């Protein structure tokens, strides 16, 4: 997992993760 992916997950933004 990339840093942005994890950071986005914290902000409830899974769209950036996948």
N, C-alpha and C. Protein backbone atom coordinates (compact mmCIF):
# COMPACT_ATOMS: atom_id res chain seq x y z
N UNK A 1 0.83 -1.20 0.00
CA UNK A 1 0.00 0.00 0.00
C UNK A 1 0.86 1.25 0.00
N UNK A 2 0.47 2.14 -0.87
CA UNK A 2 1.20 3.41 -0.93
C UNK A 2 0.80 4.32 0.23
N UNK A 3 1.60 5.34 0.46
CA UNK A 3 1.31 6.28 1.55
C UNK A 3 -0.01 6.99 1.30
N UNK A 4 -0.22 7.41 0.05
CA UNK A 4 -1.47 8.10 -0.31
C UNK A 4 -2.66 7.19 -0.09
N UNK A 5 -2.46 5.91 -0.37
CA UNK A 5 -3.53 4.93 -0.24
C UNK A 5 -3.95 4.82 1.23
N UNK A 6 -2.98 4.74 2.11
CA UNK A 6 -3.27 4.62 3.53
C UNK A 6 -3.83 5.93 4.07
N UNK A 7 -3.26 7.04 3.63
CA UNK A 7 -3.70 8.36 4.09
C UNK A 7 -5.14 8.62 3.67
N UNK A 8 -5.44 8.23 2.44
CA UNK A 8 -6.79 8.40 1.92
C UNK A 8 -7.78 7.54 2.68
N UNK A 9 -7.35 6.35 3.05
CA UNK A 9 -8.20 5.44 3.80
C UNK A 9 -8.59 6.05 5.14
N UNK A 10 -7.65 6.76 5.73
CA UNK A 10 -7.91 7.41 7.02
C UNK A 10 -8.98 8.48 6.86
N UNK A 11 -9.00 9.11 5.69
CA UNK A 11 -9.96 10.18 5.42
C UNK A 11 -11.22 9.62 4.77
N UNK A 12 -11.33 8.28 4.78
CA UNK A 12 -12.49 7.62 4.21
C UNK A 12 -12.58 7.88 2.70
N UNK A 13 -11.45 7.96 2.04
CA UNK A 13 -11.42 8.16 0.59
C UNK A 13 -10.73 6.97 -0.07
N UNK A 14 -11.49 5.88 -0.22
CA UNK A 14 -10.92 4.66 -0.77
C UNK A 14 -10.82 4.75 -2.29
N UNK A 15 -11.48 5.76 -2.87
CA UNK A 15 -11.46 5.92 -4.32
C UNK A 15 -10.04 6.10 -4.83
N UNK A 16 -9.21 6.81 -4.05
CA UNK A 16 -7.83 7.04 -4.44
C UNK A 16 -7.00 5.77 -4.27
N UNK A 17 -7.48 4.90 -3.35
CA UNK A 17 -6.76 3.68 -3.06
C UNK A 17 -6.95 2.67 -4.19
N UNK A 18 -8.13 2.69 -4.79
CA UNK A 18 -8.37 1.73 -5.85
C UNK A 18 -9.22 2.34 -6.92
